[in-house]
Amino acid sequence: RAWCGNFLTALDMPGASLSVLKVDDELLALLDAPASAPA
């Protein structure tokens, strides 16, 4: 799974971060579960 965009910023800072999360079947199912929020 991969996401790209502004998720947690530092005001007007030019730059980026990479985050990597180990997943198994249980964690993958939780990442795939339905969610509804503005961001």
ModelCIF file with pLDDT and N, C-alpha, C, O atoms, coordinates in Angstrom:
data_MODEL
#
_entry.id   MODEL 
#
_entity.id                         1 
_entity.type                       polymer 
_entity.pdbx_number_of_molecules   1 
#
_entity_poly.entity_id                      1 
_entity_poly.type                           'polypeptide(L)' 
_entity_poly.nstd_linkage                   no 
_entity_poly.nstd_monomer                   no 
_entity_poly.pdbx_seq_one_letter_code       RAWCGNFLTALDMPGASLSVLKVDDELLALLDAPASAPA 
_entity_poly.pdbx_seq_one_letter_code_can   RAWCGNFLTALDMPGASLSVLKVDDELLALLDAPASAPA 
_entity_poly.pdbx_strand_id                 A 
#
loop_
_entity_poly_seq.entity_id 
_entity_poly_seq.num 
_entity_poly_seq.mon_id 
_entity_poly_seq.hetero 
1 1  ARG n 
1 2  ALA n 
1 3  TRP n 
1 4  CYS n 
1 5  GLY n 
1 6  ASN n 
1 7  PHE n 
1 8  LEU n 
1 9  THR n 
1 10 ALA n 
1 11 LEU n 
1 12 ASP n 
1 13 MET n 
1 14 PRO n 
1 15 GLY n 
1 16 ALA n 
1 17 SER n 
1 18 LEU n 
1 19 SER n 
1 20 VAL n 
1 21 LEU n 
1 22 LYS n 
1 23 VAL n 
1 24 ASP n 
1 25 ASP n 
1 26 GLU n 
1 27 LEU n 
1 28 LEU n 
1 29 ALA n 
1 30 LEU n 
1 31 LEU n 
1 32 ASP n 
1 33 ALA n 
1 34 PRO n 
1 35 ALA n 
1 36 SER n 
1 37 ALA n 
1 38 PRO n 
1 39 ALA n 
#
_struct_asym.id          A 
_struct_asym.entity_id   1 
#
loop_
_ma_qa_metric.id 
_ma_qa_metric.mode 
_ma_qa_metric.name 
_ma_qa_metric.software_group_id 
_ma_qa_metric.type 
1 global pLDDT . pLDDT 
2 local  pLDDT . pLDDT 
#
_ma_qa_metric_global.metric_id      1 
_ma_qa_metric_global.metric_value   95.15 
_ma_qa_metric_global.model_id       1 
_ma_qa_metric_global.ordinal_id     1 
#
loop_
_ma_qa_metric_local.label_asym_id 
_ma_qa_metric_local.label_comp_id 
_ma_qa_metric_local.label_seq_id 
_ma_qa_metric_local.metric_id 
_ma_qa_metric_local.metric_value 
_ma_qa_metric_local.model_id 
_ma_qa_metric_local.ordinal_id 
A ARG 1  2 93.00 1 1  
A ALA 2  2 93.00 1 2  
A TRP 3  2 91.00 1 3  
A CYS 4  2 92.00 1 4  
A GLY 5  2 94.00 1 5  
A ASN 6  2 96.00 1 6  
A PHE 7  2 96.00 1 7  
A LEU 8  2 97.00 1 8  
A THR 9  2 97.00 1 9  
A ALA 10 2 95.00 1 10 
A LEU 11 2 94.00 1 11 
A ASP 12 2 93.00 1 12 
A MET 13 2 93.00 1 13 
A PRO 14 2 96.00 1 14 
A GLY 15 2 96.00 1 15 
A ALA 16 2 97.00 1 16 
A SER 17 2 97.00 1 17 
A LEU 18 2 98.00 1 18 
A SER 19 2 98.00 1 19 
A VAL 20 2 98.00 1 20 
A LEU 21 2 97.00 1 21 
A LYS 22 2 98.00 1 22 
A VAL 23 2 96.00 1 23 
A ASP 24 2 97.00 1 24 
A ASP 25 2 97.00 1 25 
A GLU 26 2 98.00 1 26 
A LEU 27 2 97.00 1 27 
A LEU 28 2 94.00 1 28 
A ALA 29 2 95.00 1 29 
A LEU 30 2 96.00 1 30 
A LEU 31 2 95.00 1 31 
A ASP 32 2 93.00 1 32 
A ALA 33 2 94.00 1 33 
A PRO 34 2 93.00 1 34 
A ALA 35 2 94.00 1 35 
A SER 36 2 93.00 1 36 
A ALA 37 2 94.00 1 37 
A PRO 38 2 93.00 1 38 
A ALA 39 2 93.00 1 39 
#
loop_
_atom_site.group_PDB 
_atom_site.id 
_atom_site.type_symbol 
_atom_site.label_atom_id 
_atom_site.label_alt_id 
_atom_site.label_comp_id 
_atom_site.label_asym_id 
_atom_site.label_entity_id 
_atom_site.label_seq_id 
_atom_site.pdbx_PDB_ins_code 
_atom_site.Cartn_x 
_atom_site.Cartn_y 
_atom_site.Cartn_z 
_atom_site.occupancy 
_atom_site.B_iso_or_equiv 
_atom_site.pdbx_formal_charge 
_atom_site.auth_seq_id 
_atom_site.auth_comp_id 
_atom_site.auth_asym_id 
_atom_site.auth_atom_id 
_atom_site.pdbx_PDB_model_num 
ATOM 1   N N  . ARG A 1 1  ? 0.860   -1.179 0.000  1.00 93.00 ? 1  ARG A N  1 
ATOM 2   C CA . ARG A 1 1  ? 0.000   0.000  0.000  1.00 93.00 ? 1  ARG A CA 1 
ATOM 3   C C  . ARG A 1 1  ? 0.901   1.235  0.000  1.00 93.00 ? 1  ARG A C  1 
ATOM 4   O O  . ARG A 1 1  ? 1.988   1.212  0.579  1.00 93.00 ? 1  ARG A O  1 
ATOM 5   N N  . ALA A 1 2  ? 0.453   2.310  -0.646 1.00 93.00 ? 2  ALA A N  1 
ATOM 6   C CA . ALA A 1 2  ? 1.242   3.546  -0.674 1.00 93.00 ? 2  ALA A CA 1 
ATOM 7   C C  . ALA A 1 2  ? 0.311   4.746  -0.756 1.00 93.00 ? 2  ALA A C  1 
ATOM 8   O O  . ALA A 1 2  ? -0.697  4.724  -1.462 1.00 93.00 ? 2  ALA A O  1 
ATOM 9   N N  . TRP A 1 3  ? 0.669   5.794  -0.018 1.00 91.00 ? 3  TRP A N  1 
ATOM 10  C CA . TRP A 1 3  ? -0.057  7.062  -0.052 1.00 91.00 ? 3  TRP A CA 1 
ATOM 11  C C  . TRP A 1 3  ? 0.940   8.175  -0.311 1.00 91.00 ? 3  TRP A C  1 
ATOM 12  O O  . TRP A 1 3  ? 2.111   8.066  0.055  1.00 91.00 ? 3  TRP A O  1 
ATOM 13  N N  . CYS A 1 4  ? 0.481   9.242  -0.938 1.00 92.00 ? 4  CYS A N  1 
ATOM 14  C CA . CYS A 1 4  ? 1.367   10.352 -1.271 1.00 92.00 ? 4  CYS A CA 1 
ATOM 15  C C  . CYS A 1 4  ? 0.593   11.658 -1.194 1.00 92.00 ? 4  CYS A C  1 
ATOM 16  O O  . CYS A 1 4  ? -0.478  11.779 -1.789 1.00 92.00 ? 4  CYS A O  1 
ATOM 17  N N  . GLY A 1 5  ? 1.120   12.636 -0.469 1.00 94.00 ? 5  GLY A N  1 
ATOM 18  C CA . GLY A 1 5  ? 0.455   13.931 -0.338 1.00 94.00 ? 5  GLY A CA 1 
ATOM 19  C C  . GLY A 1 5  ? 0.859   14.611 0.951  1.00 94.00 ? 5  GLY A C  1 
ATOM 20  O O  . GLY A 1 5  ? 1.835   14.221 1.592  1.00 94.00 ? 5  GLY A O  1 
ATOM 21  N N  . ASN A 1 6  ? 0.104   15.631 1.330  1.00 96.00 ? 6  ASN A N  1 
ATOM 22  C CA . ASN A 1 6  ? 0.330   16.341 2.592  1.00 96.00 ? 6  ASN A CA 1 
ATOM 23  C C  . ASN A 1 6  ? -0.544  15.720 3.672  1.00 96.00 ? 6  ASN A C  1 
ATOM 24  O O  . ASN A 1 6  ? -1.763  15.895 3.662  1.00 96.00 ? 6  ASN A O  1 
ATOM 25  N N  . PHE A 1 7  ? 0.067   15.002 4.595  1.00 96.00 ? 7  PHE A N  1 
ATOM 26  C CA . PHE A 1 7  ? -0.660  14.332 5.660  1.00 96.00 ? 7  PHE A CA 1 
ATOM 27  C C  . PHE A 1 7  ? -0.366  14.952 7.027  1.00 96.00 ? 7  PHE A C  1 
ATOM 28  O O  . PHE A 1 7  ? -1.271  15.103 7.849  1.00 96.00 ? 7  PHE A O  1 
ATOM 29  N N  . LEU A 1 8  ? 0.892   15.309 7.271  1.00 97.00 ? 8  LEU A N  1 
ATOM 30  C CA . LEU A 1 8  ? 1.288   15.922 8.538  1.00 97.00 ? 8  LEU A CA 1 
ATOM 31  C C  . LEU A 1 8  ? 2.435   16.868 8.214  1.00 97.00 ? 8  LEU A C  1 
ATOM 32  O O  . LEU A 1 8  ? 3.575   16.435 8.052  1.00 97.00 ? 8  LEU A O  1 
ATOM 33  N N  . THR A 1 9  ? 2.134   18.164 8.119  1.00 97.00 ? 9  THR A N  1 
ATOM 34  C CA . THR A 1 9  ? 3.057   19.149 7.578  1.00 97.00 ? 9  THR A CA 1 
ATOM 35  C C  . THR A 1 9  ? 3.767   19.941 8.673  1.00 97.00 ? 9  THR A C  1 
ATOM 36  O O  . THR A 1 9  ? 3.551   19.706 9.862  1.00 97.00 ? 9  THR A O  1 
ATOM 37  N N  . ALA A 1 10 ? 4.601   20.864 8.266  1.00 95.00 ? 10 ALA A N  1 
ATOM 38  C CA . ALA A 1 10 ? 5.282   21.794 9.171  1.00 95.00 ? 10 ALA A CA 1 
ATOM 39  C C  . ALA A 1 10 ? 5.119   23.195 8.600  1.00 95.00 ? 10 ALA A C  1 
ATOM 40  O O  . ALA A 1 10 ? 6.085   23.815 8.156  1.00 95.00 ? 10 ALA A O  1 
ATOM 41  N N  . LEU A 1 11 ? 3.883   23.683 8.620  1.00 94.00 ? 11 LEU A N  1 
ATOM 42  C CA . LEU A 1 11 ? 3.527   24.977 8.059  1.00 94.00 ? 11 LEU A CA 1 
ATOM 43  C C  . LEU A 1 11 ? 3.932   25.062 6.585  1.00 94.00 ? 11 LEU A C  1 
ATOM 44  O O  . LEU A 1 11 ? 3.433   24.297 5.759  1.00 94.00 ? 11 LEU A O  1 
ATOM 45  N N  . ASP A 1 12 ? 4.830   25.984 6.256  1.00 93.00 ? 12 ASP A N  1 
ATOM 46  C CA . ASP A 1 12 ? 5.213   26.225 4.856  1.00 93.00 ? 12 ASP A CA 1 
ATOM 47  C C  . ASP A 1 12 ? 6.616   25.705 4.556  1.00 93.00 ? 12 ASP A C  1 
ATOM 48  O O  . ASP A 1 12 ? 7.337   26.289 3.747  1.00 93.00 ? 12 ASP A O  1 
ATOM 49  N N  . MET A 1 13 ? 6.995   24.626 5.196  1.00 93.00 ? 13 MET A N  1 
ATOM 50  C CA . MET A 1 13 ? 8.349   24.099 5.000  1.00 93.00 ? 13 MET A CA 1 
ATOM 51  C C  . MET A 1 13 ? 8.454   23.348 3.675  1.00 93.00 ? 13 MET A C  1 
ATOM 52  O O  . MET A 1 13 ? 7.603   22.506 3.390  1.00 93.00 ? 13 MET A O  1 
ATOM 53  N N  . PRO A 1 14 ? 9.462   23.623 2.863  1.00 96.00 ? 14 PRO A N  1 
ATOM 54  C CA . PRO A 1 14 ? 9.708   22.835 1.659  1.00 96.00 ? 14 PRO A CA 1 
ATOM 55  C C  . PRO A 1 14 ? 10.488  21.575 2.018  1.00 96.00 ? 14 PRO A C  1 
ATOM 56  O O  . PRO A 1 14 ? 11.600  21.651 2.540  1.00 96.00 ? 14 PRO A O  1 
ATOM 57  N N  . GLY A 1 15 ? 9.906   20.435 1.739  1.00 96.00 ? 15 GLY A N  1 
ATOM 58  C CA . GLY A 1 15 ? 10.561  19.183 2.085  1.00 96.00 ? 15 GLY A CA 1 
ATOM 59  C C  . GLY A 1 15 ? 9.565   18.055 2.148  1.00 96.00 ? 15 GLY A C  1 
ATOM 60  O O  . GLY A 1 15 ? 8.391   18.239 1.826  1.00 96.00 ? 15 GLY A O  1 
ATOM 61  N N  . ALA A 1 16 ? 10.019  16.894 2.558  1.00 97.00 ? 16 ALA A N  1 
ATOM 62  C CA . ALA A 1 16 ? 9.154   15.721 2.595  1.00 97.00 ? 16 ALA A CA 1 
ATOM 63  C C  . ALA A 1 16 ? 9.719   14.702 3.569  1.00 97.00 ? 16 ALA A C  1 
ATOM 64  O O  . ALA A 1 16 ? 10.879  14.787 3.973  1.00 97.00 ? 16 ALA A O  1 
ATOM 65  N N  . SER A 1 17 ? 8.894   13.746 3.938  1.00 97.00 ? 17 SER A N  1 
ATOM 66  C CA . SER A 1 17 ? 9.348   12.634 4.763  1.00 97.00 ? 17 SER A CA 1 
ATOM 67  C C  . SER A 1 17 ? 8.824   11.335 4.176  1.00 97.00 ? 17 SER A C  1 
ATOM 68  O O  . SER A 1 17 ? 7.812   11.317 3.475  1.00 97.00 ? 17 SER A O  1 
ATOM 69  N N  . LEU A 1 18 ? 9.517   10.263 4.469  1.00 98.00 ? 18 LEU A N  1 
ATOM 70  C CA . LEU A 1 18 ? 9.087   8.925  4.077  1.00 98.00 ? 18 LEU A CA 1 
ATOM 71  C C  . LEU A 1 18 ? 8.822   8.124  5.339  1.00 98.00 ? 18 LEU A C  1 
ATOM 72  O O  . LEU A 1 18 ? 9.601   8.176  6.291  1.00 98.00 ? 18 LEU A O  1 
ATOM 73  N N  . SER A 1 19 ? 7.715   7.379  5.346  1.00 98.00 ? 19 SER A N  1 
ATOM 74  C CA . SER A 1 19 ? 7.381   6.495  6.460  1.00 98.00 ? 19 SER A CA 1 
ATOM 75  C C  . SER A 1 19 ? 7.148   5.100  5.914  1.00 98.00 ? 19 SER A C  1 
ATOM 76  O O  . SER A 1 19 ? 6.477   4.926  4.897  1.00 98.00 ? 19 SER A O  1 
ATOM 77  N N  . VAL A 1 20 ? 7.700   4.114  6.590  1.00 98.00 ? 20 VAL A N  1 
ATOM 78  C CA . VAL A 1 20 ? 7.537   2.713  6.195  1.00 98.00 ? 20 VAL A CA 1 
ATOM 79  C C  . VAL A 1 20 ? 6.978   1.949  7.388  1.00 98.00 ? 20 VAL A C  1 
ATOM 80  O O  . VAL A 1 20 ? 7.510   2.034  8.495  1.00 98.00 ? 20 VAL A O  1 
ATOM 81  N N  . LEU A 1 21 ? 5.907   1.204  7.156  1.00 97.00 ? 21 LEU A N  1 
ATOM 82  C CA . LEU A 1 21 ? 5.242   0.435  8.208  1.00 97.00 ? 21 LEU A CA 1 
ATOM 83  C C  . LEU A 1 21 ? 5.241   -1.046 7.843  1.00 97.00 ? 21 LEU A C  1 
ATOM 84  O O  . LEU A 1 21 ? 4.722   -1.429 6.795  1.00 97.00 ? 21 LEU A O  1 
ATOM 85  N N  . LYS A 1 22 ? 5.820   -1.873 8.702  1.00 98.00 ? 22 LYS A N  1 
ATOM 86  C CA . LYS A 1 22 ? 5.722   -3.318 8.509  1.00 98.00 ? 22 LYS A CA 1 
ATOM 87  C C  . LYS A 1 22 ? 4.263   -3.744 8.649  1.00 98.00 ? 22 LYS A C  1 
ATOM 88  O O  . LYS A 1 22 ? 3.579   -3.295 9.568  1.00 98.00 ? 22 LYS A O  1 
ATOM 89  N N  . VAL A 1 23 ? 3.781   -4.593 7.762  1.00 96.00 ? 23 VAL A N  1 
ATOM 90  C CA . VAL A 1 23 ? 2.391   -5.054 7.847  1.00 96.00 ? 23 VAL A CA 1 
ATOM 91  C C  . VAL A 1 23 ? 2.317   -6.573 7.753  1.00 96.00 ? 23 VAL A C  1 
ATOM 92  O O  . VAL A 1 23 ? 3.170   -7.222 7.146  1.00 96.00 ? 23 VAL A O  1 
ATOM 93  N N  . ASP A 1 24 ? 1.285   -7.113 8.364  1.00 97.00 ? 24 ASP A N  1 
ATOM 94  C CA . ASP A 1 24 ? 0.892   -8.506 8.190  1.00 97.00 ? 24 ASP A CA 1 
ATOM 95  C C  . ASP A 1 24 ? -0.574  -8.494 7.781  1.00 97.00 ? 24 ASP A C  1 
ATOM 96  O O  . ASP A 1 24 ? -1.122  -7.425 7.514  1.00 97.00 ? 24 ASP A O  1 
ATOM 97  N N  . ASP A 1 25 ? -1.213  -9.634 7.727  1.00 97.00 ? 25 ASP A N  1 
ATOM 98  C CA . ASP A 1 25 ? -2.602  -9.684 7.262  1.00 97.00 ? 25 ASP A CA 1 
ATOM 99  C C  . ASP A 1 25 ? -3.519  -8.844 8.140  1.00 97.00 ? 25 ASP A C  1 
ATOM 100 O O  . ASP A 1 25 ? -4.410  -8.162 7.634  1.00 97.00 ? 25 ASP A O  1 
ATOM 101 N N  . GLU A 1 26 ? -3.306  -8.888 9.462  1.00 98.00 ? 26 GLU A N  1 
ATOM 102 C CA . GLU A 1 26 ? -4.187  -8.153 10.374 1.00 98.00 ? 26 GLU A CA 1 
ATOM 103 C C  . GLU A 1 26 ? -4.026  -6.651 10.190 1.00 98.00 ? 26 GLU A C  1 
ATOM 104 O O  . GLU A 1 26 ? -5.022  -5.937 10.067 1.00 98.00 ? 26 GLU A O  1 
ATOM 105 N N  . LEU A 1 27 ? -2.784  -6.157 10.168 1.00 97.00 ? 27 LEU A N  1 
ATOM 106 C CA . LEU A 1 27 ? -2.571  -4.720 10.010 1.00 97.00 ? 27 LEU A CA 1 
ATOM 107 C C  . LEU A 1 27 ? -3.004  -4.238 8.635  1.00 97.00 ? 27 LEU A C  1 
ATOM 108 O O  . LEU A 1 27 ? -3.524  -3.130 8.505  1.00 97.00 ? 27 LEU A O  1 
ATOM 109 N N  . LEU A 1 28 ? -2.796  -5.054 7.606  1.00 94.00 ? 28 LEU A N  1 
ATOM 110 C CA . LEU A 1 28 ? -3.221  -4.665 6.262  1.00 94.00 ? 28 LEU A CA 1 
ATOM 111 C C  . LEU A 1 28 ? -4.734  -4.524 6.196  1.00 94.00 ? 28 LEU A C  1 
ATOM 112 O O  . LEU A 1 28 ? -5.245  -3.609 5.551  1.00 94.00 ? 28 LEU A O  1 
ATOM 113 N N  . ALA A 1 29 ? -5.452  -5.424 6.860  1.00 95.00 ? 29 ALA A N  1 
ATOM 114 C CA . ALA A 1 29 ? -6.912  -5.338 6.871  1.00 95.00 ? 29 ALA A CA 1 
ATOM 115 C C  . ALA A 1 29 ? -7.375  -4.061 7.563  1.00 95.00 ? 29 ALA A C  1 
ATOM 116 O O  . ALA A 1 29 ? -8.359  -3.450 7.146  1.00 95.00 ? 29 ALA A O  1 
ATOM 117 N N  . LEU A 1 30 ? -6.676  -3.657 8.611  1.00 96.00 ? 30 LEU A N  1 
ATOM 118 C CA . LEU A 1 30 ? -7.044  -2.424 9.312  1.00 96.00 ? 30 LEU A CA 1 
ATOM 119 C C  . LEU A 1 30 ? -6.751  -1.196 8.453  1.00 96.00 ? 30 LEU A C  1 
ATOM 120 O O  . LEU A 1 30 ? -7.514  -0.230 8.472  1.00 96.00 ? 30 LEU A O  1 
ATOM 121 N N  . LEU A 1 31 ? -5.655  -1.228 7.704  1.00 95.00 ? 31 LEU A N  1 
ATOM 122 C CA . LEU A 1 31 ? -5.365  -0.117 6.789  1.00 95.00 ? 31 LEU A CA 1 
ATOM 123 C C  . LEU A 1 31 ? -6.400  -0.031 5.669  1.00 95.00 ? 31 LEU A C  1 
ATOM 124 O O  . LEU A 1 31 ? -6.702  1.060  5.184  1.00 95.00 ? 31 LEU A O  1 
ATOM 125 N N  . ASP A 1 32 ? -6.943  -1.172 5.260  1.00 93.00 ? 32 ASP A N  1 
ATOM 126 C CA . ASP A 1 32 ? -7.916  -1.210 4.163  1.00 93.00 ? 32 ASP A CA 1 
ATOM 127 C C  . ASP A 1 32 ? -9.356  -0.946 4.619  1.00 93.00 ? 32 ASP A C  1 
ATOM 128 O O  . ASP A 1 32 ? -10.234 -0.718 3.786  1.00 93.00 ? 32 ASP A O  1 
ATOM 129 N N  . ALA A 1 33 ? -9.604  -0.975 5.930  1.00 94.00 ? 33 ALA A N  1 
ATOM 130 C CA . ALA A 1 33 ? -10.970 -0.813 6.435  1.00 94.00 ? 33 ALA A CA 1 
ATOM 131 C C  . ALA A 1 33 ? -11.536 0.549  6.040  1.00 94.00 ? 33 ALA A C  1 
ATOM 132 O O  . ALA A 1 33 ? -10.785 1.518  5.920  1.00 94.00 ? 33 ALA A O  1 
ATOM 133 N N  . PRO A 1 34 ? -12.840 0.634  5.837  1.00 93.00 ? 34 PRO A N  1 
ATOM 134 C CA . PRO A 1 34 ? -13.455 1.906  5.435  1.00 93.00 ? 34 PRO A CA 1 
ATOM 135 C C  . PRO A 1 34 ? -13.193 3.008  6.459  1.00 93.00 ? 34 PRO A C  1 
ATOM 136 O O  . PRO A 1 34 ? -13.162 2.761  7.665  1.00 93.00 ? 34 PRO A O  1 
ATOM 137 N N  . ALA A 1 35 ? -13.008 4.211  5.961  1.00 94.00 ? 35 ALA A N  1 
ATOM 138 C CA . ALA A 1 35 ? -12.816 5.380  6.824  1.00 94.00 ? 35 ALA A CA 1 
ATOM 139 C C  . ALA A 1 35 ? -13.307 6.605  6.082  1.00 94.00 ? 35 ALA A C  1 
ATOM 140 O O  . ALA A 1 35 ? -13.223 6.687  4.857  1.00 94.00 ? 35 ALA A O  1 
ATOM 141 N N  . SER A 1 36 ? -13.818 7.553  6.844  1.00 93.00 ? 36 SER A N  1 
ATOM 142 C CA . SER A 1 36 ? -14.350 8.774  6.241  1.00 93.00 ? 36 SER A CA 1 
ATOM 143 C C  . SER A 1 36 ? -13.967 9.963  7.104  1.00 93.00 ? 36 SER A C  1 
ATOM 144 O O  . SER A 1 36 ? -14.487 10.135 8.207  1.00 93.00 ? 36 SER A O  1 
ATOM 145 N N  . ALA A 1 37 ? -13.053 10.785 6.595  1.00 94.00 ? 37 ALA A N  1 
ATOM 146 C CA . ALA A 1 37 ? -12.623 11.998 7.289  1.00 94.00 ? 37 ALA A CA 1 
ATOM 147 C C  . ALA A 1 37 ? -12.141 12.980 6.235  1.00 94.00 ? 37 ALA A C  1 
ATOM 148 O O  . ALA A 1 37 ? -11.729 12.565 5.152  1.00 94.00 ? 37 ALA A O  1 
ATOM 149 N N  . PRO A 1 38 ? -12.185 14.288 6.531  1.00 93.00 ? 38 PRO A N  1 
ATOM 150 C CA . PRO A 1 38 ? -11.815 15.294 5.522  1.00 93.00 ? 38 PRO A CA 1 
ATOM 151 C C  . PRO A 1 38 ? -10.446 15.067 4.884  1.00 93.00 ? 38 PRO A C  1 
ATOM 152 O O  . PRO A 1 38 ? -10.282 15.297 3.686  1.00 93.00 ? 38 PRO A O  1 
ATOM 153 N N  . ALA A 1 39 ? -9.476  14.628 5.653  1.00 93.00 ? 39 ALA A N  1 
ATOM 154 C CA . ALA A 1 39 ? -8.137  14.454 5.099  1.00 93.00 ? 39 ALA A CA 1 
ATOM 155 C C  . ALA A 1 39 ? -7.944  13.077 4.475  1.00 93.00 ? 39 ALA A C  1 
ATOM 156 O O  . ALA A 1 39 ? -6.865  12.776 3.964  1.00 93.00 ? 39 ALA A O  1 
#
